[in-house]
Amino acid sequence: MRHFGVLIPSTNTTVEIEYSRFLPPSLQAHYGRLGKGGKAPFSPSLDADVAYQSKMLGDAKVEALALAQTSASLFDDDYCAKCTAAMSAGAGVASVTSAQAIGQAVQFLGAKRIALATPYSPDAIGRAKRYYETKYGLEVVAMEGFDANDSYAIGLMGPEHAFDAFRRIDTPEIEVLVVPGGNFPTMPSITGWEQAFGKPVVTTNQAVVWAMMRLMNMSETVPGGGRLLGN
């Protein structure tokens, strides 16, 4: 059994459910919850909580650590570097943010032109476009947000929001469909989306699993994890 840690916002009700249902028997996730560090929707979590929960997960001997809060990385150009440094210092293992995991996953798939479909507000999805274009050299060809401003409510949204958005914005030039947002349920739908649109889909929770397995040098596939996870 291999173990990794995941930091999630206190309002997240999706990550634990998806991982309990989709991770292979050889892989176990352990979780730390984070309080909100700002008043704006989608703002980063408390730095003190990131440090403390990373230390707690280090005590559990996790082999790698991820932050499943993609929107946190969009408010500060240096956030990913500062956050992963704090996570690794606390847990004593390599770490990654989910924003980084998505960018790395798209690059791994050999793609450059992407579309974004996300629960984010217009402001947040605009930040996501800038992040992936400046940090990873990607081209955001199209994007659509669901204009959510309540993190908890995102967990109650259905997959049809993303499917309908893909149907409206998909064009032949788009190489990968990206769904940022760790509290938006996606993993049961990835295979169906890929079949419907004929191209890879990358989501926050899926990309985190991929990044964790990569850091732990695991090569097995994850059923239902789409092309990124080999199935």
Protein backbone atom coordinates (compact mmCIF):
# COMPACT_ATOMS: atom_id res chain seq x y z
CA MET A 1 0.00 0.00 0.00
CA ARG A 2 1.31 3.44 -0.99
CA HIS A 3 0.22 6.58 0.84
CA PHE A 4 -0.07 10.22 -0.19
CA GLY A 5 -1.48 13.30 1.50
CA VAL A 6 -4.02 15.84 0.23
CA LEU A 7 -4.79 19.26 1.66
CA ILE A 8 -8.33 20.42 0.94
CA PRO A 9 -10.36 23.51 1.88
CA SER A 10 -12.70 23.01 4.82
CA THR A 11 -15.70 23.39 2.48
CA ASN A 12 -14.61 20.60 0.13
CA THR A 13 -17.02 17.64 0.13
CA THR A 14 -15.86 15.97 -3.10
CA VAL A 15 -12.19 14.94 -2.98
CA GLU A 16 -12.58 12.29 -0.28
CA ILE A 17 -15.62 10.77 -2.00
CA GLU A 18 -13.97 10.59 -5.41
CA TYR A 19 -10.73 9.12 -4.12
CA SER A 20 -12.46 6.55 -1.93
CA ARG A 21 -14.31 5.31 -5.01
CA PHE A 22 -11.70 5.59 -7.76
CA LEU A 23 -8.26 4.98 -6.27
CA PRO A 24 -6.83 1.51 -6.89
CA PRO A 25 -6.40 -0.77 -3.84
CA SER A 26 -2.66 -0.12 -3.85
CA LEU A 27 -3.11 3.62 -3.23
CA GLN A 28 -4.43 5.39 -0.13
CA ALA A 29 -5.04 9.11 0.36
CA HIS A 30 -4.92 10.90 3.73
CA TYR A 31 -6.42 14.35 4.23
CA GLY A 32 -5.92 17.64 6.02
CA ARG A 33 -8.52 20.42 6.04
CA LEU A 34 -7.68 24.10 5.68
CA GLY A 35 -9.46 27.22 6.88
CA LYS A 36 -10.08 30.10 4.51
CA GLY A 37 -7.41 32.76 4.48
CA GLY A 38 -9.30 35.57 2.70
CA LYS A 39 -12.79 36.97 2.20
CA ALA A 40 -12.87 36.70 -1.60
CA PRO A 41 -14.38 33.57 -3.18
CA PHE A 42 -11.72 31.01 -4.16
CA SER A 43 -8.99 32.81 -2.19
CA PRO A 44 -6.10 30.79 -0.73
CA SER A 45 -6.38 28.94 2.56
CA LEU A 46 -4.65 29.98 5.77
CA ASP A 47 -0.87 29.66 5.52
CA ALA A 48 -0.74 28.47 9.13
CA ASP A 49 -3.16 25.66 8.34
CA VAL A 50 -1.10 24.60 5.31
CA ALA A 51 2.01 24.37 7.49
CA TYR A 52 0.28 22.57 10.36
CA GLN A 53 -1.67 20.05 8.29
CA SER A 54 1.42 19.29 6.21
CA LYS A 55 3.26 18.46 9.43
CA MET A 56 0.39 16.21 10.55
CA LEU A 57 0.42 14.33 7.25
CA GLY A 58 4.17 14.01 7.52
CA ASP A 59 3.60 12.29 10.86
CA ALA A 60 1.45 9.78 8.95
CA LYS A 61 4.48 9.03 6.72
CA VAL A 62 2.85 10.04 3.45
CA GLU A 63 5.18 9.68 0.47
CA ALA A 64 4.01 12.80 -1.40
CA LEU A 65 1.69 15.71 -0.72
CA ALA A 66 -0.74 17.76 -2.83
CA LEU A 67 -2.90 20.82 -2.37
CA ALA A 68 -6.27 20.21 -4.05
CA GLN A 69 -7.30 23.86 -4.29
CA THR A 70 -6.56 25.01 -7.83
CA SER A 71 -8.04 28.49 -7.41
CA ALA A 72 -5.59 29.33 -4.61
CA SER A 73 -2.74 29.44 -7.10
CA LEU A 74 -4.42 32.05 -9.27
CA PHE A 75 -4.16 35.01 -6.87
CA ASP A 76 -0.38 35.30 -6.53
CA ASP A 77 2.27 34.53 -9.15
CA ASP A 78 4.53 33.05 -6.48
CA TYR A 79 1.86 31.12 -4.58
CA CYS A 80 2.71 27.65 -5.92
CA ALA A 81 6.39 28.04 -5.07
CA LYS A 82 5.68 29.38 -1.58
CA CYS A 83 2.97 26.82 -0.85
CA THR A 84 4.91 23.77 -1.99
CA ALA A 85 7.93 24.95 -0.03
CA ALA A 86 5.80 25.12 3.12
CA MET A 87 4.17 21.76 2.40
CA SER A 88 7.47 20.00 1.79
CA ALA A 89 9.04 21.59 4.87
CA GLY A 90 6.15 20.37 7.01
CA ALA A 91 5.73 16.87 5.62
CA GLY A 92 9.32 16.19 4.56
CA VAL A 93 8.26 14.96 1.11
CA ALA A 94 7.88 16.31 -2.42
CA SER A 95 4.72 18.30 -2.97
CA VAL A 96 2.64 19.89 -5.71
CA THR A 97 -0.38 22.15 -6.04
CA SER A 98 -3.30 21.02 -8.15
CA ALA A 99 -2.80 24.02 -10.42
CA GLN A 100 0.71 22.75 -11.12
CA ALA A 101 -0.56 19.20 -11.55
CA ILE A 102 -3.02 20.30 -14.25
CA GLY A 103 -0.37 22.24 -16.16
CA GLN A 104 2.10 19.37 -15.94
CA ALA A 105 -0.57 16.87 -17.01
CA VAL A 106 -1.45 18.84 -20.13
CA GLN A 107 2.23 19.04 -21.03
CA PHE A 108 2.60 15.29 -20.39
CA LEU A 109 -0.19 14.67 -22.90
CA GLY A 110 1.80 16.66 -25.45
CA ALA A 111 -0.88 19.33 -25.83
CA LYS A 112 -0.80 23.11 -25.98
CA ARG A 113 -4.29 24.34 -26.90
CA ILE A 114 -6.87 23.86 -24.16
CA ALA A 115 -10.41 24.83 -23.18
CA LEU A 116 -11.42 25.60 -19.59
CA ALA A 117 -14.81 24.64 -18.17
CA THR A 118 -15.05 25.39 -14.47
CA PRO A 119 -17.40 26.45 -11.67
CA TYR A 120 -15.32 29.62 -11.25
CA SER A 121 -16.62 33.16 -11.49
CA PRO A 122 -15.60 35.26 -14.52
CA ASP A 123 -12.80 36.87 -12.51
CA ALA A 124 -11.40 33.55 -11.33
CA ILE A 125 -11.54 31.87 -14.73
CA GLY A 126 -9.77 34.90 -16.20
CA ARG A 127 -7.04 34.37 -13.62
CA ALA A 128 -6.89 30.68 -14.61
CA LYS A 129 -6.38 31.63 -18.26
CA ARG A 130 -3.51 33.93 -17.35
CA TYR A 131 -1.97 31.31 -15.05
CA TYR A 132 -1.81 28.54 -17.63
CA GLU A 133 -0.69 30.79 -20.43
CA THR A 134 2.11 32.45 -18.44
CA LYS A 135 3.21 29.51 -16.27
CA TYR A 136 2.93 26.66 -18.77
CA GLY A 137 2.91 28.30 -22.19
CA LEU A 138 -0.53 26.90 -22.98
CA GLU A 139 -3.06 28.57 -25.22
CA VAL A 140 -6.54 28.87 -23.74
CA VAL A 141 -8.64 28.72 -26.89
CA ALA A 142 -12.01 28.86 -25.12
CA MET A 143 -13.36 29.02 -21.60
CA GLU A 144 -16.63 29.03 -19.73
CA GLY A 145 -17.36 29.40 -16.03
CA PHE A 146 -20.49 28.46 -14.10
CA ASP A 147 -20.24 31.70 -12.09
CA ALA A 148 -20.23 30.01 -8.69
CA ASN A 149 -19.37 32.15 -5.68
CA ASP A 150 -20.01 29.61 -2.93
CA SER A 151 -17.39 26.89 -2.55
CA TYR A 152 -19.70 24.48 -0.74
CA ALA A 153 -22.37 24.79 -3.45
CA ILE A 154 -19.90 23.67 -6.10
CA GLY A 155 -19.92 20.20 -4.59
CA LEU A 156 -23.65 19.98 -5.28
CA MET A 157 -23.32 20.74 -8.98
CA GLY A 158 -23.85 17.99 -11.52
CA PRO A 159 -21.55 16.91 -14.37
CA GLU A 160 -24.00 18.24 -16.94
CA HIS A 161 -22.62 21.72 -16.25
CA ALA A 162 -19.26 20.71 -17.70
CA PHE A 163 -20.72 18.60 -20.50
CA ASP A 164 -22.96 21.42 -21.69
CA ALA A 165 -20.06 23.87 -21.50
CA PHE A 166 -17.84 21.54 -23.55
CA ARG A 167 -20.58 21.21 -26.14
CA ARG A 168 -20.79 24.98 -26.49
CA ILE A 169 -17.08 25.78 -26.62
CA ASP A 170 -15.40 22.73 -28.17
CA THR A 171 -13.70 23.20 -31.54
CA PRO A 172 -11.33 20.99 -33.55
CA GLU A 173 -8.28 23.05 -32.59
CA ILE A 174 -8.74 22.32 -28.87
CA GLU A 175 -6.49 19.44 -27.82
CA VAL A 176 -7.45 18.96 -24.16
CA LEU A 177 -10.56 19.84 -22.16
CA VAL A 178 -9.63 21.07 -18.69
CA VAL A 179 -11.93 21.23 -15.65
CA PRO A 180 -10.28 23.08 -12.74
CA GLY A 181 -12.01 22.90 -9.36
CA GLY A 182 -11.40 20.26 -6.68
CA ASN A 183 -14.89 20.49 -5.19
CA PHE A 184 -16.62 19.98 -8.55
CA PRO A 185 -17.37 16.25 -9.06
CA THR A 186 -15.65 15.00 -12.22
CA MET A 187 -14.08 11.56 -11.88
CA PRO A 188 -17.22 9.50 -12.59
CA SER A 189 -17.64 11.47 -15.83
CA ILE A 190 -14.14 11.65 -17.33
CA THR A 191 -14.41 8.52 -19.49
CA GLY A 192 -17.80 9.55 -20.87
CA TRP A 193 -16.60 13.08 -21.63
CA GLU A 194 -13.56 11.74 -23.48
CA GLN A 195 -15.71 9.40 -25.53
CA ALA A 196 -18.20 12.13 -26.35
CA PHE A 197 -15.66 14.72 -27.46
CA GLY A 198 -12.85 12.51 -28.71
CA LYS A 199 -10.06 14.19 -26.76
CA PRO A 200 -8.41 13.96 -23.32
CA VAL A 201 -10.00 15.54 -20.27
CA VAL A 202 -7.89 16.82 -17.35
CA THR A 203 -9.54 17.69 -14.02
CA THR A 204 -8.22 18.84 -10.66
CA ASN A 205 -8.76 15.63 -8.71
CA GLN A 206 -7.61 13.39 -11.54
CA ALA A 207 -4.44 15.46 -12.14
CA VAL A 208 -3.59 15.33 -8.43
CA VAL A 209 -3.71 11.51 -8.47
CA TRP A 210 -1.51 11.49 -11.57
CA ALA A 211 0.99 13.86 -9.95
CA MET A 212 1.09 11.85 -6.72
CA MET A 213 1.67 8.58 -8.56
CA ARG A 214 4.38 10.24 -10.61
CA LEU A 215 6.17 11.52 -7.50
CA MET A 216 5.95 8.03 -6.00
CA ASN A 217 7.18 6.38 -9.23
CA MET A 218 3.99 4.37 -9.66
CA SER A 219 3.09 3.31 -13.18
CA GLU A 220 -0.18 1.44 -12.81
CA THR A 221 -3.38 2.62 -14.45
CA VAL A 222 -6.48 3.92 -12.68
CA PRO A 223 -9.77 2.67 -14.15
CA GLY A 224 -12.05 5.58 -14.93
CA GLY A 225 -9.12 8.01 -14.81
CA GLY A 226 -9.17 8.88 -18.50
CA ARG A 227 -6.24 8.97 -20.87
CA LEU A 228 -4.07 10.74 -18.34
CA LEU A 229 -4.25 7.81 -15.93
CA GLY A 230 -3.98 5.22 -18.66
CA ASN A 231 -7.58 4.06 -18.88
